[in-house]
């Protein structure tokens, strides 16, 4: 058993927030991906898990007038609105082997998700005092195993977010689900699904600087390999209105991923997946929350995992919309999508929210959605789709 124990002495809290990992794991320090595989295993649908070349995917692309070979050779860079798939059922994400090499990962930027107005002040508490983000201990695969970094391509270029491995009720012990923010997978009102989405658990495992990473071995950058999304789901509110104040309370998403190499599930490979708390406790009832992620906007560089712990308050972004959780935290863009965790009454740690937005012009707080029935429906939808 590995465990992540964070005792927030600076906050004077007695409770330790623990992210525990139990199960079959292999340490990634032996110079290869944790699954030790060098070739792709057949996917369940008869396609090839390493290449993403499934008949279903090819047919889906063809239906939208996209040739798979041309797509992988650069057609994916065409962001014309008539080619940019946006509906819930339109998600496609063919694996492009070798696309996300360490250099490309380092060049990826953070999506700038800030809010300048708080329209629904009736459900908004005073701005929390900033809580300085703390660096996570290394190696990350021992201290924060469920947390990783998400890479994707957008019309603005290569982008980064954060994500968390979560449990799949239909595949106990073998989950391939990753929780993140809606704005890390879909452009919302202004566009469609982002492309080349991949998840890297325990990215930059030893917490090296960008200069040191230039000569790092691949297993130091992605110790468990890369896991490409073969499906993504977000809220209808985000697809229809994402990027507006009405949609931030619905800014969550679930990825189903497959290993770029090998056949083991994400949970088996890393040895951890956290439950999701869909009880949507009020800010006053929730107790202390901890947010983890890879902040990439200045003063951070996106290479180092950080965390903040605070007691949440309420933020309302628009009238007649659900309140969001808000904590003091100095993490910036790039931490978007990173999980927020709380200790449940049974003593277990669960994901309870994800980083969505921060303030324009400063970096003193973060806000995340309450995960209730809508979020549970998104999670269930992805789980059921891969229940076979």
Protein backbone atom coordinates (compact mmCIF):
# COMPACT_ATOMS: atom_id res chain seq x y z
CA UNK A 1 0.00 0.00 0.00
CA UNK A 2 1.15 3.51 -0.81
CA UNK A 3 -0.37 6.49 0.81
CA UNK A 4 -0.29 10.22 0.36
CA UNK A 5 -0.55 11.95 3.70
CA UNK A 6 -0.63 15.70 3.84
CA UNK A 7 -0.76 17.25 7.29
CA UNK A 8 -1.60 20.93 6.82
CA UNK A 9 0.15 22.19 9.94
CA UNK A 10 0.12 25.73 8.60
CA UNK A 11 -3.66 25.72 8.76
CA UNK A 12 -3.72 24.34 12.28
CA UNK A 13 -5.83 21.39 11.15
CA UNK A 14 -5.82 18.10 12.99
CA UNK A 15 -7.11 15.99 10.12
CA UNK A 16 -4.71 14.65 7.52
CA UNK A 17 -5.93 14.41 3.97
CA UNK A 18 -4.87 11.03 2.63
CA UNK A 19 -4.89 9.81 -0.95
CA UNK A 20 -4.31 6.09 -0.56
CA UNK A 21 -3.34 3.67 -3.27
CA UNK A 22 -3.77 -0.06 -2.82
CA UNK A 23 -3.39 -2.67 -5.49
CA UNK A 24 -0.99 -4.18 -7.98
CA UNK A 25 1.63 -1.64 -8.97
CA UNK A 26 5.06 -1.64 -10.47
CA UNK A 27 7.50 1.14 -9.70
CA UNK A 28 8.35 3.11 -12.81
CA UNK A 29 12.01 3.52 -11.90
CA UNK A 30 13.31 0.65 -14.02
CA UNK A 31 13.63 2.65 -17.22
CA UNK A 32 10.40 1.58 -18.91
CA UNK A 33 6.67 2.23 -18.67
CA UNK A 34 5.16 0.54 -15.64
CA UNK A 35 3.33 -2.05 -17.71
CA UNK A 36 6.62 -3.06 -19.31
CA UNK A 37 4.98 -3.45 -22.68
CA UNK A 38 6.71 -2.75 -25.96
CA UNK A 39 3.87 -3.57 -28.31
CA UNK A 40 0.21 -2.76 -28.49
CA UNK A 41 -2.40 -5.14 -27.17
CA UNK A 42 -5.64 -5.77 -29.07
CA UNK A 43 -8.47 -3.53 -27.99
CA UNK A 44 -11.76 -5.00 -26.85
CA UNK A 45 -13.48 -4.01 -30.08
CA UNK A 46 -10.90 -5.78 -32.21
CA UNK A 47 -8.98 -2.63 -33.04
CA UNK A 48 -5.44 -1.84 -32.02
CA UNK A 49 -5.08 -0.13 -28.65
CA UNK A 50 -1.72 1.40 -29.51
CA UNK A 51 -2.68 2.98 -32.83
CA UNK A 52 -6.28 3.97 -32.16
CA UNK A 53 -7.12 2.50 -35.59
CA UNK A 54 -10.49 0.98 -34.78
CA UNK A 55 -13.07 0.42 -37.50
CA UNK A 56 -15.63 2.30 -35.43
CA UNK A 57 -13.34 5.32 -35.26
CA UNK A 58 -12.55 5.26 -38.97
CA UNK A 59 -16.25 5.02 -39.80
CA UNK A 60 -17.09 7.89 -37.47
CA UNK A 61 -14.45 10.13 -39.02
CA UNK A 62 -15.56 9.20 -42.53
CA UNK A 63 -19.13 10.15 -41.61
CA UNK A 64 -17.83 13.64 -40.88
CA UNK A 65 -15.78 13.75 -44.09
CA UNK A 66 -12.45 13.12 -42.37
CA UNK A 67 -9.89 10.66 -43.73
CA UNK A 68 -8.08 8.94 -40.84
CA UNK A 69 -4.67 8.84 -42.53
CA UNK A 70 -4.90 12.52 -43.50
CA UNK A 71 -6.06 13.31 -39.95
CA UNK A 72 -2.99 11.69 -38.42
CA UNK A 73 -0.74 13.41 -40.98
CA UNK A 74 -1.88 16.87 -39.95
CA UNK A 75 -5.53 17.31 -40.95
CA UNK A 76 -6.35 17.52 -37.23
CA UNK A 77 -4.82 21.04 -37.35
CA UNK A 78 -7.82 22.17 -39.43
CA UNK A 79 -10.03 24.05 -36.97
CA UNK A 80 -12.62 25.22 -39.51
CA UNK A 81 -16.01 25.23 -37.84
CA UNK A 82 -17.45 22.82 -40.39
CA UNK A 83 -14.73 20.29 -39.44
CA UNK A 84 -14.72 21.01 -35.70
CA UNK A 85 -16.92 18.35 -34.09
CA UNK A 86 -18.83 19.72 -31.11
CA UNK A 87 -21.84 17.54 -30.25
CA UNK A 88 -21.70 15.10 -27.32
CA UNK A 89 -21.72 12.03 -29.57
CA UNK A 90 -19.06 13.41 -31.96
CA UNK A 91 -15.92 12.94 -29.86
CA UNK A 92 -13.01 11.38 -31.76
CA UNK A 93 -9.37 11.26 -30.66
CA UNK A 94 -7.18 8.96 -32.80
CA UNK A 95 -3.85 8.06 -31.22
CA UNK A 96 -0.94 9.65 -33.07
CA UNK A 97 2.11 7.68 -31.97
CA UNK A 98 4.99 9.83 -30.73
CA UNK A 99 3.08 13.13 -30.99
CA UNK A 100 3.53 14.05 -27.34
CA UNK A 101 7.28 13.81 -26.93
CA UNK A 102 8.93 15.54 -23.93
CA UNK A 103 9.79 18.67 -25.94
CA UNK A 104 6.20 19.12 -27.15
CA UNK A 105 4.93 18.57 -23.62
CA UNK A 106 7.19 21.32 -22.30
CA UNK A 107 5.99 23.76 -24.97
CA UNK A 108 2.30 23.34 -24.09
CA UNK A 109 0.61 26.35 -22.48
CA UNK A 110 -2.13 26.78 -19.90
CA UNK A 111 -5.69 27.67 -20.92
CA UNK A 112 -6.54 31.04 -19.36
CA UNK A 113 -9.84 30.54 -17.56
CA UNK A 114 -10.55 33.61 -15.46
CA UNK A 115 -13.67 35.39 -14.37
CA UNK A 116 -13.99 39.15 -14.23
CA UNK A 117 -17.57 39.53 -12.98
CA UNK A 118 -19.60 37.87 -10.27
CA UNK A 119 -23.16 38.46 -11.31
CA UNK A 120 -24.91 36.51 -8.58
CA UNK A 121 -23.44 38.16 -5.52
CA UNK A 122 -26.31 36.95 -3.35
CA UNK A 123 -24.68 33.52 -3.15
CA UNK A 124 -21.11 34.72 -2.92
CA UNK A 125 -19.05 34.90 0.26
CA UNK A 126 -16.18 37.34 0.82
CA UNK A 127 -13.04 36.64 -1.18
CA UNK A 128 -10.89 34.12 0.73
CA UNK A 129 -7.37 35.00 1.79
CA UNK A 130 -4.73 33.51 -0.50
CA UNK A 131 -3.24 30.16 0.50
CA UNK A 132 0.27 29.67 -0.86
CA UNK A 133 0.48 26.53 -2.98
CA UNK A 134 2.93 23.95 -1.68
CA UNK A 135 5.11 21.70 -3.85
CA UNK A 136 4.18 18.04 -3.69
CA UNK A 137 6.87 15.68 -2.44
CA UNK A 138 8.73 13.56 -4.97
CA UNK A 139 8.56 11.01 -6.42
CA UNK A 140 4.97 11.81 -7.33
CA UNK A 141 4.13 8.16 -7.99
CA UNK A 142 4.59 7.53 -4.26
CA UNK A 143 3.10 10.75 -2.89
CA UNK A 144 0.26 11.71 -5.25
CA UNK A 145 -0.36 8.67 -7.42
CA UNK A 146 -3.91 9.58 -8.61
CA UNK A 147 -2.86 12.98 -9.98
CA UNK A 148 -1.53 13.63 -13.47
CA UNK A 149 -1.26 16.09 -16.30
CA UNK A 150 -3.50 16.36 -19.38
CA UNK A 151 -2.20 17.52 -22.76
CA UNK A 152 -4.39 18.56 -25.69
CA UNK A 153 -4.38 20.62 -28.85
CA UNK A 154 -6.60 23.65 -29.44
CA UNK A 155 -6.77 26.34 -32.15
CA UNK A 156 -4.44 28.40 -29.95
CA UNK A 157 -1.83 25.62 -29.83
CA UNK A 158 -0.81 22.87 -27.42
CA UNK A 159 -2.43 23.17 -24.00
CA UNK A 160 -2.19 21.62 -20.54
CA UNK A 161 -4.58 20.82 -17.71
CA UNK A 162 -4.56 18.51 -14.71
CA UNK A 163 -6.60 15.38 -13.99
CA UNK A 164 -7.28 12.62 -11.46
CA UNK A 165 -7.75 8.86 -11.81
CA UNK A 166 -11.21 7.96 -10.49
CA UNK A 167 -13.00 4.69 -9.91
CA UNK A 168 -15.22 3.01 -12.49
CA UNK A 169 -18.14 1.18 -10.81
CA UNK A 170 -18.38 -1.28 -13.73
CA UNK A 171 -14.67 -2.10 -13.75
CA UNK A 172 -13.64 -2.42 -10.08
CA UNK A 173 -9.89 -2.39 -9.76
CA UNK A 174 -9.49 -1.77 -13.50
CA UNK A 175 -10.67 1.80 -14.06
CA UNK A 176 -9.66 3.77 -17.13
CA UNK A 177 -11.48 6.94 -16.05
CA UNK A 178 -9.91 10.38 -15.52
CA UNK A 179 -11.75 13.35 -14.00
CA UNK A 180 -10.99 16.86 -15.27
CA UNK A 181 -12.67 20.15 -16.23
CA UNK A 182 -15.02 20.60 -19.17
CA UNK A 183 -12.87 23.42 -20.54
CA UNK A 184 -9.94 20.97 -20.78
CA UNK A 185 -11.77 18.81 -23.34
CA UNK A 186 -14.31 21.06 -25.12
CA UNK A 187 -14.24 24.71 -26.19
CA UNK A 188 -17.85 25.23 -25.10
CA UNK A 189 -20.04 27.79 -26.81
CA UNK A 190 -17.30 28.97 -29.18
CA UNK A 191 -16.21 25.61 -30.59
CA UNK A 192 -15.99 21.85 -30.22
CA UNK A 193 -13.94 18.97 -28.85
CA UNK A 194 -10.24 19.53 -28.41
CA UNK A 195 -7.86 17.06 -30.05
CA UNK A 196 -4.96 14.74 -29.23
CA UNK A 197 -6.03 14.53 -25.58
CA UNK A 198 -3.69 12.42 -23.47
CA UNK A 199 -3.25 11.86 -19.73
CA UNK A 200 0.15 11.40 -18.07
CA UNK A 201 -0.05 10.14 -14.47
CA UNK A 202 2.72 11.39 -12.15
CA UNK A 203 4.11 13.66 -14.89
CA UNK A 204 7.73 14.71 -14.19
CA UNK A 205 7.90 12.16 -11.39
CA UNK A 206 11.02 13.58 -9.74
CA UNK A 207 9.95 17.24 -9.97
CA UNK A 208 12.84 18.31 -12.20
CA UNK A 209 13.27 21.82 -13.56
CA UNK A 210 12.57 22.51 -17.26
CA UNK A 211 16.33 22.69 -17.91
CA UNK A 212 16.97 19.36 -16.18
CA UNK A 213 14.06 17.77 -18.02
CA UNK A 214 15.69 18.50 -21.38
CA UNK A 215 18.09 15.63 -20.74
CA UNK A 216 15.73 13.46 -18.71
CA UNK A 217 14.86 9.91 -19.61
CA UNK A 218 11.31 9.39 -20.95
CA UNK A 219 10.33 7.40 -17.85
CA UNK A 220 11.14 10.45 -15.71
CA UNK A 221 8.74 12.56 -17.78
CA UNK A 222 5.95 9.97 -18.06
CA UNK A 223 6.77 7.15 -15.61
CA UNK A 224 3.65 5.13 -16.42
CA UNK A 225 3.47 6.03 -20.09
CA UNK A 226 0.72 8.00 -21.84
CA UNK A 227 -3.01 7.27 -21.81
CA UNK A 228 -4.97 8.66 -24.74
CA UNK A 229 -8.65 9.50 -24.36
CA UNK A 230 -10.83 7.25 -26.53
CA UNK A 231 -13.94 8.96 -25.17
CA UNK A 232 -14.82 12.16 -23.33
CA UNK A 233 -18.03 13.40 -21.81
CA UNK A 234 -18.92 16.76 -20.32
CA UNK A 235 -22.13 18.50 -19.30
CA UNK A 236 -24.67 19.70 -21.85
CA UNK A 237 -24.49 23.09 -20.16
CA UNK A 238 -20.78 23.28 -20.92
CA UNK A 239 -21.19 22.23 -24.57
CA UNK A 240 -23.96 24.79 -25.11
CA UNK A 241 -22.72 27.73 -23.03
CA UNK A 242 -19.15 26.94 -21.96
CA UNK A 243 -17.02 30.02 -21.39
CA UNK A 244 -19.93 32.12 -20.11
CA UNK A 245 -20.74 32.81 -16.46
CA UNK A 246 -23.80 30.55 -16.72
CA UNK A 247 -21.67 27.48 -17.48
CA UNK A 248 -18.85 27.52 -14.92
CA UNK A 249 -20.86 25.53 -12.32
CA UNK A 250 -21.04 22.73 -14.93
CA UNK A 251 -17.34 22.79 -15.87
CA UNK A 252 -16.48 19.11 -15.34
CA UNK A 253 -15.65 16.19 -17.62
CA UNK A 254 -14.76 12.49 -17.57
CA UNK A 255 -12.25 10.86 -19.92
CA UNK A 256 -12.05 7.18 -20.75
CA UNK A 257 -8.44 6.44 -21.65
CA UNK A 258 -6.40 3.66 -23.24
CA UNK A 259 -2.65 3.10 -22.89
CA UNK A 260 -0.57 4.22 -25.85
CA UNK A 261 1.35 0.98 -25.27
CA UNK A 262 0.29 -2.16 -23.44
CA UNK A 263 -3.00 -3.60 -22.35
CA UNK A 264 -3.25 -2.93 -18.61
CA UNK A 265 -5.89 -0.54 -17.32
CA UNK A 266 -4.89 2.83 -15.91
CA UNK A 267 -5.81 1.79 -12.37
CA UNK A 268 -3.85 -1.46 -12.60
CA UNK A 269 -0.83 0.35 -14.02
CA UNK A 270 -0.72 3.12 -11.44
CA UNK A 271 -2.32 1.21 -8.56
CA UNK A 272 -4.90 3.80 -7.56
CA UNK A 273 -8.29 5.29 -8.42
CA UNK A 274 -10.31 7.51 -6.11
CA UNK A 275 -14.07 7.43 -5.55
CA UNK A 276 -16.10 10.50 -6.53
CA UNK A 277 -18.34 12.16 -3.95
CA UNK A 278 -21.57 13.16 -5.70
CA UNK A 279 -23.37 14.23 -2.52
CA UNK A 280 -22.61 17.90 -3.32
CA UNK A 281 -22.17 19.03 0.29
CA UNK A 282 -22.58 22.72 0.94
CA UNK A 283 -19.40 24.68 1.47
CA UNK A 284 -20.19 24.92 5.18
CA UNK A 285 -20.72 21.15 5.46
CA UNK A 286 -17.79 19.98 3.39
CA UNK A 287 -14.88 20.52 5.79
CA UNK A 288 -11.37 21.05 4.47
CA UNK A 289 -10.69 20.46 0.78
CA UNK A 290 -7.36 19.93 -0.91
CA UNK A 291 -6.71 20.89 -4.54
CA UNK A 292 -3.87 19.29 -6.52
CA UNK A 293 -2.54 20.21 -9.96
CA UNK A 294 0.26 21.42 -12.21
CA UNK A 295 0.03 25.25 -12.35
CA UNK A 296 1.58 26.50 -15.59
CA UNK A 297 0.88 30.24 -15.79
CA UNK A 298 3.45 32.56 -14.15
CA UNK A 299 5.00 32.39 -11.64
CA UNK A 300 4.81 28.62 -12.21
CA UNK A 301 6.21 26.66 -15.16
CA UNK A 302 3.82 23.69 -15.37
CA UNK A 303 6.48 21.13 -14.51
CA UNK A 304 5.91 20.86 -10.75
CA UNK A 305 2.88 19.43 -8.95
CA UNK A 306 1.44 21.68 -6.23
CA UNK A 307 -1.40 21.52 -3.71
CA UNK A 308 -3.51 23.84 -1.56
CA UNK A 309 -5.69 23.09 1.46
CA UNK A 310 -8.46 25.37 2.67
CA UNK A 311 -12.03 25.40 3.92
CA UNK A 312 -14.26 26.32 0.96
CA UNK A 313 -16.70 29.21 0.78
CA UNK A 314 -19.37 30.01 -1.83
CA UNK A 315 -19.06 31.66 -5.23
CA UNK A 316 -21.99 32.36 -7.56
CA UNK A 317 -21.10 33.26 -11.14
CA UNK A 318 -24.56 34.09 -12.50
CA UNK A 319 -28.12 34.41 -11.17
CA UNK A 320 -30.11 31.17 -10.90
CA UNK A 321 -27.02 28.98 -11.23
CA UNK A 322 -25.63 26.60 -8.60
CA UNK A 323 -23.04 27.96 -6.20
CA UNK A 324 -19.45 26.83 -6.67
CA UNK A 325 -16.83 26.02 -4.06
CA UNK A 326 -14.07 28.60 -3.65
CA UNK A 327 -10.79 28.22 -1.78
CA UNK A 328 -7.79 30.43 -1.24
CA UNK A 329 -4.98 29.14 -3.47
CA UNK A 330 -2.15 30.71 -5.46
CA UNK A 331 -2.12 28.02 -8.20
CA UNK A 332 -2.66 29.39 -11.71
CA UNK A 333 -3.81 28.15 -15.13
CA UNK A 334 -2.65 24.62 -15.89
CA UNK A 335 -4.01 23.47 -12.55
CA UNK A 336 -7.43 23.56 -14.25
CA UNK A 337 -9.16 20.20 -14.07
CA UNK A 338 -7.08 19.11 -11.10
CA UNK A 339 -9.02 17.23 -8.44
CA UNK A 340 -10.32 18.63 -5.17
CA UNK A 341 -10.47 16.07 -2.39
CA UNK A 342 -12.19 15.75 0.98
CA UNK A 343 -12.29 13.13 3.70
CA UNK A 344 -15.69 11.42 3.82
CA UNK A 345 -17.44 10.52 7.11
CA UNK A 346 -16.17 6.95 6.65
CA UNK A 347 -12.58 8.20 6.71
CA UNK A 348 -11.91 7.62 3.00
CA UNK A 349 -10.69 10.33 0.67
CA UNK A 350 -12.83 11.14 -2.38
CA UNK A 351 -12.79 13.60 -5.27
CA UNK A 352 -15.41 16.26 -4.59
CA UNK A 353 -14.69 18.93 -7.24
CA UNK A 354 -12.15 20.10 -9.82
CA UNK A 355 -10.40 23.38 -10.49
CA UNK A 356 -12.45 25.46 -12.91
CA UNK A 357 -11.74 29.20 -12.69
CA UNK A 358 -9.65 31.81 -10.92
CA UNK A 359 -9.70 35.61 -10.70
CA UNK A 360 -8.58 37.83 -13.55
CA UNK A 361 -5.39 39.73 -12.85
CA UNK A 362 -4.33 37.82 -9.73
CA UNK A 363 -3.98 34.30 -8.43
CA UNK A 364 -5.34 34.28 -4.91
CA UNK A 365 -8.21 31.81 -5.21
CA UNK A 366 -9.70 28.95 -7.22
CA UNK A 367 -13.29 27.85 -7.74
CA UNK A 368 -14.74 24.48 -8.65
CA UNK A 369 -18.21 23.04 -9.33
CA UNK A 370 -20.34 21.12 -6.88
CA UNK A 371 -20.65 17.59 -8.24
CA UNK A 372 -24.28 16.53 -7.97
CA UNK A 373 -26.76 14.66 -10.18
CA UNK A 374 -25.53 16.14 -13.45
CA UNK A 375 -21.92 15.24 -12.74
CA UNK A 376 -22.94 11.74 -11.65
CA UNK A 377 -24.85 11.29 -14.91
CA UNK A 378 -21.73 12.19 -16.92
CA UNK A 379 -19.66 9.71 -14.92
CA UNK A 380 -22.29 6.98 -15.32
CA UNK A 381 -22.58 7.62 -19.05
CA UNK A 382 -18.88 6.97 -19.63
CA UNK A 383 -18.85 3.95 -17.32
CA UNK A 384 -21.83 2.37 -19.09
CA UNK A 385 -20.39 3.01 -22.53
CA UNK A 386 -17.42 0.78 -21.70
CA UNK A 387 -19.29 -1.73 -19.54
CA UNK A 388 -18.76 -4.67 -21.93
